């Protein structure tokens, strides 16, 4: 791994007129219950995050499991190129965590180790069982240890929002002296209000003597619905890096939403300009984000994680640019600015879609996919094209959103080594007992057919699948959405299964809702089956521990 300072860190103290976007969708976002991604899916999202223009991708927690290590390493080698973003790996303040992160990040041109330890008294007493003096020593030693591998080191005092300010200042000063180039201030439990969070950042700038040697970053959860507001207040008080996730996914109520932060600063840049030392009238973007990639990025993350976007979600919800009120519709028709503060095209939405059909050739198909941001291998292109032709025989026109659904359904499933759907047939009606006959190909290559009755056709299909697969699970969520309007539209099905204390999601799209339902169920079931066959640690399952200072290690 290249040990040269990253472009990000060169901005510390000298080019503070731009906000760095640190995306943690693949780390904190993946810790949403049911949002676990496989390596291929993580890589697909990482590639799109690079197209989006994020400055830093927190690719995972390398010490958590072999799967996490491999994913971070693949992303570092594939996305962490000379012109790509900095690739970051999370590590607790322990030698083994930091060593794992350093090893996983080696392929990246610019790698960052992000190490953390809690600093609030409640965490010290009940979780770490450490004194303040011990935490001070550990923070300093582990930052220095990380610095021996990379020049770009980020340090986070976990639960900073509930930490004693004077102790927080001391920890940050020691971490920066040991080599931290970014100090991240997390509102770990989403407890703070905007004025409090802004005051915390202001206090750090005023009371940490060497703060000019590091970028101030913020991380926050949305437990009280204040994460985005807190971050914007932090920007006004000196924060220059924002740690966020696409669609705001993350543990509990989620993280600050990338799209909301970026568009708030884009739409209101004249308001934020003075806080970054810019002329009020400056039209220069405050971030490096290509806003026209926001809609597709949101769609991709939603489909791969199984975390649906609520219709009224700011910026990326399906209703975000919809108007039903007659008064609103009249105003928008006369002048869009009467009720819209931003153009839908600014986030990548367009009504001028190229529509493909059954007579469209492979070249037109490939060209449109590239325009939509897909860069497929020849094998994946062929798979997607075959599926496209199959769908095109059933409906006249296929628009962009349906193309996206086809490609994601064909190329980004959970591998091919699990249960495969060979055929499904249902009988139902107001005077029929819902019955499903299902044939599955098992992981060992055998084909088994079974039938079951249920309360409806989908329930019957799932009962038949369970009789064959014999993988214990509980269905906790079933959702169907139309990709576009129209009676012949493709339907997208999202499934969430629970086994013990873990949740597994699955997704599929098809013009036949029964087929989509069966395939989505199998996608989730394959994730569950793979987890049972290959048990491994996950960041959420970790018990926090820290090493003693070197003399006691």
Protein backbone atom coordinates (compact mmCIF):
# COMPACT_ATOMS: atom_id res chain seq x y z
CA UNK A 1 0.00 0.00 0.00
CA UNK A 2 1.23 3.44 -0.91
CA UNK A 3 2.27 5.27 2.25
CA UNK A 4 2.05 8.74 0.77
CA UNK A 5 -0.33 11.14 2.53
CA UNK A 6 -3.77 11.08 0.97
CA UNK A 7 -5.29 13.99 -0.84
CA UNK A 8 -7.85 14.10 1.92
CA UNK A 9 -5.35 14.82 4.65
CA UNK A 10 -3.53 17.46 2.65
CA UNK A 11 -6.60 19.61 3.19
CA UNK A 12 -6.19 19.72 6.92
CA UNK A 13 -5.84 23.31 8.00
CA UNK A 14 -5.06 24.58 4.49
CA UNK A 15 -8.04 23.80 2.27
CA UNK A 16 -10.94 23.77 4.70
CA UNK A 17 -13.42 25.22 2.21
CA UNK A 18 -14.72 21.82 1.11
CA UNK A 19 -16.63 19.15 3.03
CA UNK A 20 -15.26 15.62 2.80
CA UNK A 21 -17.81 12.82 2.53
CA UNK A 22 -16.86 9.67 4.45
CA UNK A 23 -19.27 6.90 3.48
CA UNK A 24 -19.78 4.11 5.99
CA UNK A 25 -22.62 2.29 4.22
CA UNK A 26 -20.48 -0.84 3.93
CA UNK A 27 -19.53 -0.80 7.60
CA UNK A 28 -22.06 0.89 9.88
CA UNK A 29 -24.82 0.68 7.28
CA UNK A 30 -24.33 -3.06 6.92
CA UNK A 31 -24.90 -3.42 10.66
CA UNK A 32 -28.60 -2.72 10.09
CA UNK A 33 -30.49 -5.89 11.03
CA UNK A 34 -30.96 -7.89 7.83
CA UNK A 35 -28.66 -5.74 5.70
CA UNK A 36 -25.69 -8.13 5.60
CA UNK A 37 -24.05 -8.09 2.17
CA UNK A 38 -21.85 -10.67 0.44
CA UNK A 39 -18.49 -9.77 -1.08
CA UNK A 40 -19.78 -9.23 -4.61
CA UNK A 41 -22.56 -6.96 -3.39
CA UNK A 42 -20.15 -4.93 -1.27
CA UNK A 43 -17.86 -4.49 -4.27
CA UNK A 44 -20.78 -3.40 -6.47
CA UNK A 45 -21.76 -0.74 -3.93
CA UNK A 46 -18.14 0.37 -3.49
CA UNK A 47 -17.77 0.89 -7.23
CA UNK A 48 -20.93 2.99 -7.29
CA UNK A 49 -19.75 5.02 -4.28
CA UNK A 50 -16.60 5.81 -6.25
CA UNK A 51 -18.74 6.98 -9.19
CA UNK A 52 -20.80 9.04 -6.76
CA UNK A 53 -17.61 10.82 -5.73
CA UNK A 54 -17.27 10.04 -2.03
CA UNK A 55 -13.86 10.95 -0.61
CA UNK A 56 -13.47 8.00 1.76
CA UNK A 57 -15.15 4.57 1.77
CA UNK A 58 -15.18 2.76 5.10
CA UNK A 59 -15.20 -0.68 3.53
CA UNK A 60 -15.64 -2.78 6.65
CA UNK A 61 -14.24 -4.16 9.89
CA UNK A 62 -11.40 -6.46 8.71
CA UNK A 63 -10.85 -8.25 12.03
CA UNK A 64 -14.57 -9.08 12.38
CA UNK A 65 -14.53 -12.12 10.10
CA UNK A 66 -12.68 -13.64 7.13
CA UNK A 67 -15.53 -12.44 4.91
CA UNK A 68 -15.14 -8.85 6.08
CA UNK A 69 -11.37 -9.02 5.63
CA UNK A 70 -11.70 -10.35 2.09
CA UNK A 71 -14.31 -7.73 1.17
CA UNK A 72 -12.13 -4.86 2.40
CA UNK A 73 -9.13 -6.31 0.56
CA UNK A 74 -11.09 -6.68 -2.71
CA UNK A 75 -12.45 -3.14 -2.46
CA UNK A 76 -8.97 -1.81 -1.66
CA UNK A 77 -7.53 -3.48 -4.76
CA UNK A 78 -10.40 -2.73 -7.14
CA UNK A 79 -11.73 0.67 -6.06
CA UNK A 80 -8.77 2.10 -4.15
CA UNK A 81 -6.96 3.21 -7.31
CA UNK A 82 -4.89 6.31 -8.01
CA UNK A 83 -7.99 8.27 -9.03
CA UNK A 84 -10.34 6.52 -6.62
CA UNK A 85 -11.37 7.27 -3.06
CA UNK A 86 -9.40 6.56 0.10
CA UNK A 87 -10.30 3.09 1.44
CA UNK A 88 -10.72 2.84 5.20
CA UNK A 89 -10.86 -0.11 7.57
CA UNK A 90 -12.29 0.06 11.10
CA UNK A 91 -10.28 -1.26 14.06
CA UNK A 92 -10.80 -1.23 17.78
CA UNK A 93 -7.85 0.09 19.76
CA UNK A 94 -6.14 -3.31 19.78
CA UNK A 95 -3.04 -4.55 18.00
CA UNK A 96 -4.81 -7.47 16.33
CA UNK A 97 -7.59 -5.27 14.94
CA UNK A 98 -5.14 -2.68 13.62
CA UNK A 99 -2.86 -5.33 12.11
CA UNK A 100 -5.84 -6.91 10.31
CA UNK A 101 -6.93 -3.53 8.95
CA UNK A 102 -3.41 -2.75 7.73
CA UNK A 103 -3.15 -6.11 5.96
CA UNK A 104 -6.55 -5.77 4.29
CA UNK A 105 -5.79 -2.23 3.08
CA UNK A 106 -2.43 -3.04 1.48
CA UNK A 107 -3.75 -3.09 -2.13
CA UNK A 108 -5.15 0.45 -1.85
CA UNK A 109 -3.21 3.41 -3.21
CA UNK A 110 -4.57 5.44 -0.29
CA UNK A 111 -5.51 3.49 2.81
CA UNK A 112 -6.77 4.74 6.14
CA UNK A 113 -6.98 2.94 9.48
CA UNK A 114 -9.85 4.14 11.67
CA UNK A 115 -9.31 3.13 15.28
CA UNK A 116 -11.57 3.88 18.23
CA UNK A 117 -12.00 3.55 21.97
CA UNK A 118 -14.79 4.76 24.23
CA UNK A 119 -14.30 7.86 26.38
CA UNK A 120 -17.61 8.38 28.22
CA UNK A 121 -17.64 7.49 31.91
CA UNK A 122 -20.55 5.08 31.45
CA UNK A 123 -18.60 3.15 28.79
CA UNK A 124 -15.40 3.19 30.83
CA UNK A 125 -17.11 1.87 33.92
CA UNK A 126 -19.45 -0.74 32.50
CA UNK A 127 -18.02 -1.76 29.13
CA UNK A 128 -14.25 -1.25 29.16
CA UNK A 129 -13.71 -1.35 32.92
CA UNK A 130 -10.79 1.04 32.42
CA UNK A 131 -9.69 4.23 34.07
CA UNK A 132 -9.31 7.51 32.21
CA UNK A 133 -5.53 7.25 32.52
CA UNK A 134 -5.57 3.79 30.93
CA UNK A 135 -7.73 4.98 28.03
CA UNK A 136 -5.43 7.96 27.44
CA UNK A 137 -2.43 5.64 27.23
CA UNK A 138 -4.19 3.12 24.99
CA UNK A 139 -5.43 5.79 22.57
CA UNK A 140 -1.96 7.26 22.20
CA UNK A 141 -0.24 3.90 21.78
CA UNK A 142 -2.72 2.44 19.31
CA UNK A 143 -2.79 5.55 17.11
CA UNK A 144 1.00 5.38 16.97
CA UNK A 145 0.80 1.68 16.14
CA UNK A 146 -1.63 2.38 13.28
CA UNK A 147 0.67 5.18 12.12
CA UNK A 148 3.45 2.62 11.67
CA UNK A 149 1.40 1.10 8.82
CA UNK A 150 -0.22 4.13 7.15
CA UNK A 151 0.16 7.88 7.25
CA UNK A 152 -3.60 8.42 7.20
CA UNK A 153 -4.98 7.52 10.64
CA UNK A 154 -8.40 8.42 12.00
CA UNK A 155 -9.19 8.28 15.70
CA UNK A 156 -12.66 8.20 17.27
CA UNK A 157 -13.49 8.65 20.97
CA UNK A 158 -16.63 6.52 21.07
CA UNK A 159 -19.63 8.12 22.77
CA UNK A 160 -17.95 11.52 22.60
CA UNK A 161 -21.33 13.20 22.97
CA UNK A 162 -21.65 11.90 26.54
CA UNK A 163 -17.98 12.26 27.46
CA UNK A 164 -16.58 14.82 29.89
CA UNK A 165 -15.37 17.65 27.61
CA UNK A 166 -12.08 18.18 29.46
CA UNK A 167 -11.20 14.49 29.21
CA UNK A 168 -12.28 14.46 25.57
CA UNK A 169 -9.95 17.37 24.80
CA UNK A 170 -7.06 15.54 26.47
CA UNK A 171 -7.68 12.30 24.53
CA UNK A 172 -7.89 14.15 21.22
CA UNK A 173 -4.71 16.09 21.91
CA UNK A 174 -2.81 12.87 22.69
CA UNK A 175 -4.22 11.10 19.61
CA UNK A 176 -3.22 13.95 17.29
CA UNK A 177 0.25 14.10 18.86
CA UNK A 178 0.58 10.36 18.20
CA UNK A 179 -0.21 10.85 14.51
CA UNK A 180 -3.99 11.00 13.99
CA UNK A 181 -4.73 13.04 10.85
CA UNK A 182 -8.51 12.96 11.36
CA UNK A 183 -10.36 13.04 14.69
CA UNK A 184 -13.95 11.87 14.51
CA UNK A 185 -16.49 13.05 17.06
CA UNK A 186 -19.31 10.48 17.31
CA UNK A 187 -22.74 11.00 18.79
CA UNK A 188 -22.84 7.23 19.18
CA UNK A 189 -26.31 6.98 20.71
CA UNK A 190 -27.99 9.86 18.85
CA UNK A 191 -28.55 11.83 22.05
CA UNK A 192 -27.44 15.35 21.22
CA UNK A 193 -29.39 18.32 19.83
CA UNK A 194 -27.98 20.58 17.08
CA UNK A 195 -26.96 23.43 19.38
CA UNK A 196 -25.25 20.99 21.76
CA UNK A 197 -23.41 19.21 18.95
CA UNK A 198 -22.30 22.47 17.38
CA UNK A 199 -21.08 23.63 20.78
CA UNK A 200 -19.12 20.39 21.22
CA UNK A 201 -17.28 20.93 17.92
CA UNK A 202 -16.65 24.59 18.75
CA UNK A 203 -15.26 23.60 22.14
CA UNK A 204 -12.87 21.12 20.52
CA UNK A 205 -11.58 23.78 18.13
CA UNK A 206 -11.02 26.19 21.01
CA UNK A 207 -9.54 23.79 23.58
CA UNK A 208 -7.44 21.19 21.74
CA UNK A 209 -4.08 22.94 21.17
CA UNK A 210 -3.00 20.89 18.13
CA UNK A 211 -6.42 20.60 16.46
CA UNK A 212 -5.12 22.49 13.42
CA UNK A 213 -3.09 19.37 12.56
CA UNK A 214 -6.19 17.22 12.00
CA UNK A 215 -9.49 17.26 10.11
CA UNK A 216 -12.51 17.32 12.44
CA UNK A 217 -15.02 14.66 11.44
CA UNK A 218 -18.47 13.83 12.83
CA UNK A 219 -20.43 10.58 13.08
CA UNK A 220 -23.96 10.40 14.42
CA UNK A 221 -27.00 8.21 14.77
CA UNK A 222 -30.58 9.23 14.14
CA UNK A 223 -32.28 7.96 17.31
CA UNK A 224 -34.04 11.31 17.84
CA UNK A 225 -34.25 12.18 14.13
CA UNK A 226 -31.58 14.88 14.53
CA UNK A 227 -28.50 13.38 12.84
CA UNK A 228 -28.57 15.52 9.68
CA UNK A 229 -29.38 18.71 11.63
CA UNK A 230 -26.55 17.95 14.05
CA UNK A 231 -24.09 17.49 11.20
CA UNK A 232 -25.05 20.73 9.49
CA UNK A 233 -24.55 22.57 12.77
CA UNK A 234 -21.18 20.85 13.13
CA UNK A 235 -20.16 22.14 9.69
CA UNK A 236 -20.95 25.69 10.82
CA UNK A 237 -18.63 25.18 13.79
CA UNK A 238 -15.65 23.69 12.00
CA UNK A 239 -16.32 20.05 11.07
CA UNK A 240 -14.95 19.31 7.60
CA UNK A 241 -15.69 15.59 7.24
CA UNK A 242 -19.13 13.99 7.52
CA UNK A 243 -19.52 10.26 8.16
CA UNK A 244 -22.81 9.12 6.66
CA UNK A 245 -24.60 6.32 4.84
CA UNK A 246 -26.70 6.03 1.70
CA UNK A 247 -30.41 6.17 2.61
CA UNK A 248 -29.34 6.75 6.22
CA UNK A 249 -29.17 3.01 6.98
CA UNK A 250 -27.33 1.80 10.06
CA UNK A 251 -27.75 0.43 13.54
CA UNK A 252 -31.01 1.18 15.36
CA UNK A 253 -32.56 4.29 13.74
CA UNK A 254 -29.68 4.59 11.31
CA UNK A 255 -27.02 7.18 10.49
CA UNK A 256 -27.05 10.66 9.02
CA UNK A 257 -28.21 10.26 5.40
CA UNK A 258 -25.62 11.08 2.75
CA UNK A 259 -28.16 12.30 0.21
CA UNK A 260 -29.83 14.66 2.68
CA UNK A 261 -26.52 16.19 3.81
CA UNK A 262 -25.20 16.64 0.30
CA UNK A 263 -28.36 18.15 -1.11
CA UNK A 264 -28.89 20.41 1.91
CA UNK A 265 -25.44 21.90 1.30
CA UNK A 266 -26.05 21.97 -2.46
CA UNK A 267 -29.42 23.72 -2.34
CA UNK A 268 -28.41 26.06 0.51
CA UNK A 269 -24.76 26.62 -0.43
CA UNK A 270 -25.16 30.42 -0.26
CA UNK A 271 -26.10 29.94 3.41
CA UNK A 272 -23.17 27.62 4.16
CA UNK A 273 -20.53 29.42 2.05
CA UNK A 274 -19.46 31.94 4.74
CA UNK A 275 -18.90 29.17 7.28
CA UNK A 276 -16.35 27.68 4.88
CA UNK A 277 -14.65 30.99 4.15
CA UNK A 278 -16.26 31.40 0.73
CA UNK A 279 -18.04 34.39 -0.79
CA UNK A 280 -21.77 34.18 -0.17
CA UNK A 281 -22.56 34.17 -3.89
CA UNK A 282 -20.12 31.35 -4.75
CA UNK A 283 -21.72 28.60 -6.86
CA UNK A 284 -18.84 26.15 -6.36
CA UNK A 285 -19.99 22.80 -4.91
CA UNK A 286 -19.28 22.27 -1.22
CA UNK A 287 -18.64 18.54 -1.73
CA UNK A 288 -17.10 16.36 -4.40
CA UNK A 289 -20.35 14.40 -4.89
CA UNK A 290 -21.82 13.97 -8.38
CA UNK A 291 -25.41 14.61 -7.33
CA UNK A 292 -26.78 13.04 -10.53
CA UNK A 293 -25.60 9.67 -9.20
CA UNK A 294 -27.63 9.97 -5.98
CA UNK A 295 -30.87 8.37 -7.19
CA UNK A 296 -29.21 5.32 -8.71
CA UNK A 297 -26.92 4.86 -5.69
CA UNK A 298 -29.92 4.95 -3.38
CA UNK A 299 -31.75 2.41 -5.56
CA UNK A 300 -28.75 0.07 -5.65
CA UNK A 301 -28.19 0.13 -1.89
CA UNK A 302 -31.89 -0.37 -1.21
CA UNK A 303 -32.14 -3.41 -3.44
CA UNK A 304 -28.92 -5.10 -2.33
CA UNK A 305 -29.55 -4.60 1.38
CA UNK A 306 -33.28 -5.24 1.25
CA UNK A 307 -33.81 -1.98 3.17
CA UNK A 308 -36.73 -0.30 1.40
CA UNK A 309 -36.82 3.48 1.06
CA UNK A 310 -39.99 4.98 2.53
CA UNK A 311 -42.03 6.92 -0.06
CA UNK A 312 -41.79 10.20 1.87
CA UNK A 313 -38.03 9.92 2.44
CA UNK A 314 -36.31 13.22 1.75
CA UNK A 315 -34.46 13.47 -1.60
CA UNK A 316 -34.78 9.81 -2.74
CA UNK A 317 -38.29 8.73 -1.68
CA UNK A 318 -40.74 7.97 -4.49
CA UNK A 319 -42.92 10.89 -3.36
CA UNK A 320 -40.07 13.38 -2.97
CA UNK A 321 -40.95 15.12 -6.26
CA UNK A 322 -44.63 14.11 -6.48
CA UNK A 323 -47.53 16.55 -6.14
CA UNK A 324 -51.12 15.46 -5.53
CA UNK A 325 -52.69 18.61 -4.12
CA UNK A 326 -54.49 20.56 -6.84
CA UNK A 327 -53.07 23.82 -5.53
CA UNK A 328 -49.54 22.41 -5.63
CA UNK A 329 -50.00 20.93 -9.10
CA UNK A 330 -51.28 24.22 -10.44
CA UNK A 331 -48.37 26.11 -8.95
CA UNK A 332 -45.75 23.67 -10.27
CA UNK A 333 -47.25 23.76 -13.76
CA UNK A 334 -46.99 27.55 -13.75
CA UNK A 335 -43.52 27.65 -12.22
CA UNK A 336 -41.70 24.67 -10.75
CA UNK A 337 -40.07 26.85 -8.08
CA UNK A 338 -43.43 27.55 -6.44
CA UNK A 339 -43.28 24.19 -4.64
CA UNK A 340 -39.94 22.58 -5.57
CA UNK A 341 -36.66 23.78 -4.11
CA UNK A 342 -34.54 21.47 -6.27
CA UNK A 343 -34.71 19.92 -9.71
CA UNK A 344 -35.38 16.18 -9.81
CA UNK A 345 -32.76 15.92 -12.55
CA UNK A 346 -30.12 17.15 -10.11
CA UNK A 347 -30.24 13.77 -8.33
CA UNK A 348 -30.40 11.74 -11.55
CA UNK A 349 -34.15 11.47 -12.08
CA UNK A 350 -35.29 12.13 -15.63
CA UNK A 351 -38.51 11.75 -17.57
CA UNK A 352 -36.62 11.54 -20.87
CA UNK A 353 -35.90 7.82 -20.67
CA UNK A 354 -34.73 5.69 -23.57
CA UNK A 355 -37.21 2.81 -23.79
CA UNK A 356 -36.01 -0.57 -25.03
CA UNK A 357 -38.14 -3.39 -26.37
CA UNK A 358 -37.96 -6.91 -27.80
CA UNK A 359 -36.38 -5.66 -31.04
CA UNK A 360 -33.53 -3.87 -29.24
CA UNK A 361 -30.12 -5.40 -29.81
CA UNK A 362 -27.27 -6.24 -27.50
CA UNK A 363 -25.36 -3.05 -28.39
CA UNK A 364 -28.30 -0.78 -27.51
CA UNK A 365 -28.75 -2.76 -24.30
CA UNK A 366 -25.07 -2.47 -23.38
CA UNK A 367 -24.96 1.25 -24.23
CA UNK A 368 -27.98 2.10 -22.09
CA UNK A 369 -26.62 0.14 -19.15
CA UNK A 370 -23.34 2.08 -19.35
CA UNK A 371 -25.30 5.33 -19.37
CA UNK A 372 -27.09 4.14 -16.23
CA UNK A 373 -23.76 3.49 -14.51
CA UNK A 374 -23.42 -0.29 -14.99
CA UNK A 375 -20.03 -1.65 -15.99
CA UNK A 376 -20.74 -5.35 -16.49
CA UNK A 377 -18.43 -8.19 -17.37
CA UNK A 378 -19.25 -10.06 -20.59
CA UNK A 379 -20.67 -12.94 -18.55
CA UNK A 380 -22.95 -10.70 -16.49
CA UNK A 381 -23.99 -8.77 -19.60
CA UNK A 382 -25.02 -12.00 -21.31
CA UNK A 383 -27.05 -13.12 -18.28
CA UNK A 384 -28.78 -9.76 -18.05
CA UNK A 385 -29.46 -9.65 -21.81
CA UNK A 386 -31.10 -13.09 -21.80
CA UNK A 387 -33.34 -11.99 -18.93
CA UNK A 388 -34.07 -8.69 -20.73
CA UNK A 389 -35.21 -10.56 -23.85
CA UNK A 390 -37.40 -12.83 -21.74
CA UNK A 391 -39.09 -9.84 -20.09
CA UNK A 392 -39.35 -7.96 -23.41
CA UNK A 393 -41.41 -10.82 -24.85
CA UNK A 394 -43.96 -10.27 -22.08
CA UNK A 395 -44.26 -6.48 -22.15
CA UNK A 396 -43.92 -3.89 -24.89
CA UNK A 397 -41.49 -1.38 -23.42
CA UNK A 398 -38.82 -1.58 -20.74
CA UNK A 399 -37.70 1.66 -19.10
CA UNK A 400 -34.65 2.57 -17.06
CA UNK A 401 -35.97 1.51 -13.65
CA UNK A 402 -36.95 -1.90 -15.02
CA UNK A 403 -33.54 -2.26 -16.68
CA UNK A 404 -31.93 -1.54 -13.33
CA UNK A 405 -34.12 -4.14 -11.65
CA UNK A 406 -33.27 -6.75 -14.31
CA UNK A 407 -29.53 -6.23 -14.05
CA UNK A 408 -29.49 -6.22 -10.26
CA UNK A 409 -31.68 -9.31 -10.13
CA UNK A 410 -29.48 -11.26 -12.54
CA UNK A 411 -25.99 -10.19 -11.53
CA UNK A 412 -26.06 -9.41 -7.82
CA UNK A 413 -27.65 -12.37 -6.11
CA UNK A 414 -26.09 -14.43 -3.35
CA UNK A 415 -23.87 -16.62 -5.50
CA UNK A 416 -24.88 -19.91 -7.13
CA UNK A 417 -23.92 -22.50 -4.52
CA UNK A 418 -27.23 -22.55 -2.62
CA UNK A 419 -30.77 -23.65 -3.37
CA UNK A 420 -31.95 -22.88 -6.92
CA UNK A 421 -35.50 -22.53 -8.13
CA UNK A 422 -36.15 -24.86 -11.06
CA UNK A 423 -39.91 -24.43 -11.37
CA UNK A 424 -42.92 -23.19 -9.43
CA UNK A 425 -46.61 -23.66 -10.13
CA UNK A 426 -49.61 -22.53 -8.10
CA UNK A 427 -53.34 -23.21 -8.12
CA UNK A 428 -55.56 -20.70 -6.37
CA UNK A 429 -58.86 -18.89 -6.59
CA UNK A 430 -61.90 -18.01 -4.53
CA UNK A 431 -63.08 -21.64 -4.69
CA UNK A 432 -59.69 -23.34 -4.75
CA UNK A 433 -57.38 -24.33 -1.91
CA UNK A 434 -54.12 -22.42 -2.58
CA UNK A 435 -51.63 -25.09 -3.60
CA UNK A 436 -48.02 -24.74 -4.76
CA UNK A 437 -45.73 -27.27 -6.43
CA UNK A 438 -42.04 -26.35 -6.25
CA UNK A 439 -38.91 -27.98 -7.65
CA UNK A 440 -35.58 -26.97 -6.13
CA UNK A 441 -32.04 -27.88 -7.03
CA UNK A 442 -30.21 -28.53 -3.76
CA UNK A 443 -26.61 -27.44 -3.04
CA UNK A 444 -25.48 -31.04 -3.64
CA UNK A 445 -27.05 -31.08 -7.13
CA UNK A 446 -30.14 -33.17 -6.38
CA UNK A 447 -33.54 -32.01 -7.61
CA UNK A 448 -36.52 -32.40 -5.27
CA UNK A 449 -40.16 -31.60 -5.96
CA UNK A 450 -42.75 -31.10 -3.23
CA UNK A 451 -46.14 -29.48 -2.80
CA UNK A 452 -47.91 -27.63 -0.02
CA UNK A 453 -51.12 -25.76 0.70
CA UNK A 454 -51.27 -22.34 2.35
CA UNK A 455 -53.46 -19.38 3.18
CA UNK A 456 -52.63 -17.94 -0.24
CA UNK A 457 -50.41 -18.73 -3.25
CA UNK A 458 -47.26 -17.11 -1.84
CA UNK A 459 -47.72 -18.77 1.55
CA UNK A 460 -48.13 -22.11 -0.23
CA UNK A 461 -44.92 -21.54 -2.22
CA UNK A 462 -42.97 -20.75 0.95
CA UNK A 463 -44.33 -23.77 2.76
CA UNK A 464 -43.28 -26.00 -0.16
CA UNK A 465 -39.80 -24.46 -0.21
CA UNK A 466 -39.43 -24.99 3.54
CA UNK A 467 -40.46 -28.64 3.22
CA UNK A 468 -37.64 -29.18 0.72
CA UNK A 469 -34.91 -26.94 2.16
CA UNK A 470 -35.48 -27.79 5.84
CA UNK A 471 -33.73 -24.59 6.98
CA UNK A 472 -35.41 -23.24 10.15
CA UNK A 473 -36.57 -19.64 9.79
CA UNK A 474 -39.34 -17.19 10.56
CA UNK A 475 -40.74 -14.88 7.88
CA UNK A 476 -40.96 -11.42 9.46
CA UNK A 477 -41.47 -9.18 6.43
CA UNK A 478 -42.90 -9.55 2.93
CA UNK A 479 -43.15 -6.52 0.66
CA UNK A 480 -44.22 -6.10 -2.97
CA UNK A 481 -43.67 -2.93 -4.97
CA UNK A 482 -44.30 -2.11 -8.61
CA UNK A 483 -41.13 -0.97 -10.40
CA UNK A 484 -43.14 1.42 -12.58
CA UNK A 485 -46.81 2.19 -13.17
CA UNK A 486 -48.87 -0.05 -15.43
CA UNK A 487 -50.63 -3.40 -15.36
CA UNK A 488 -47.67 -5.10 -17.06
CA UNK A 489 -45.03 -3.60 -14.73
CA UNK A 490 -42.40 -5.74 -13.07
CA UNK A 491 -42.95 -6.38 -9.40
CA UNK A 492 -40.17 -6.22 -6.85
CA UNK A 493 -40.40 -8.46 -3.80
CA UNK A 494 -38.36 -7.95 -0.65
CA UNK A 495 -38.19 -10.65 2.03
CA UNK A 496 -36.78 -10.64 5.56
CA UNK A 497 -36.26 -13.88 7.46
CA UNK A 498 -35.19 -14.30 11.06
CA UNK A 499 -33.18 -17.15 12.55
CA UNK A 500 -32.29 -16.87 16.23
CA UNK A 501 -31.13 -13.25 16.63
CA UNK A 502 -30.10 -12.58 13.02
CA UNK A 503 -32.14 -11.23 10.11
CA UNK A 504 -31.54 -12.11 6.45
CA UNK A 505 -32.96 -10.24 3.46
CA UNK A 506 -33.72 -11.31 -0.08
CA UNK A 507 -34.89 -9.48 -3.16
CA UNK A 508 -36.11 -10.31 -6.67
CA UNK A 509 -38.02 -8.72 -9.54
CA UNK A 510 -40.21 -10.32 -12.18
CA UNK A 511 -43.33 -9.69 -14.20
CA UNK A 512 -44.76 -12.72 -12.35
CA UNK A 513 -45.13 -11.86 -8.65
CA UNK A 514 -45.24 -15.55 -7.66
CA UNK A 515 -41.88 -16.22 -9.32
CA UNK A 516 -40.40 -13.04 -7.81
CA UNK A 517 -41.69 -14.08 -4.38
CA UNK A 518 -40.16 -17.55 -4.65
CA UNK A 519 -36.81 -16.22 -5.85
CA UNK A 520 -36.65 -13.50 -3.17
CA UNK A 521 -37.40 -16.11 -0.50
CA UNK A 522 -34.63 -18.34 -1.81
CA UNK A 523 -32.17 -15.44 -1.85
CA UNK A 524 -32.83 -14.80 1.83
CA UNK A 525 -32.82 -18.53 2.60
CA UNK A 526 -29.46 -18.96 0.87
CA UNK A 527 -27.97 -16.19 3.01
CA UNK A 528 -29.30 -17.91 6.12
CA UNK A 529 -28.10 -21.34 4.98
CA UNK A 530 -24.65 -19.97 4.13
CA UNK A 531 -24.44 -18.37 7.59
CA UNK A 532 -25.35 -21.65 9.29
CA UNK A 533 -22.81 -23.58 7.23
CA UNK A 534 -20.08 -20.97 7.71
CA UNK A 535 -20.51 -19.38 11.14
CA UNK A 536 -18.31 -16.33 11.62
CA UNK A 537 -18.09 -13.28 13.82
CA UNK A 538 -19.80 -10.05 12.85
CA UNK A 539 -18.99 -6.58 14.19
CA UNK A 540 -22.34 -6.47 16.00
CA UNK A 541 -21.46 -9.68 17.80
CA UNK A 542 -18.16 -8.43 19.13
CA UNK A 543 -17.52 -7.87 22.79
CA UNK A 544 -15.42 -4.77 23.20
CA UNK A 545 -11.98 -5.25 24.65
CA UNK A 546 -8.75 -3.30 24.55
CA UNK A 547 -5.13 -4.23 24.98
CA UNK A 548 -3.09 -2.78 27.76
CA UNK A 549 -0.31 -0.29 26.97
CA UNK A 550 2.78 -1.87 25.44
CA UNK A 551 4.45 -2.61 28.74
CA UNK A 552 1.57 -4.92 29.64
CA UNK A 553 0.70 -6.26 26.17
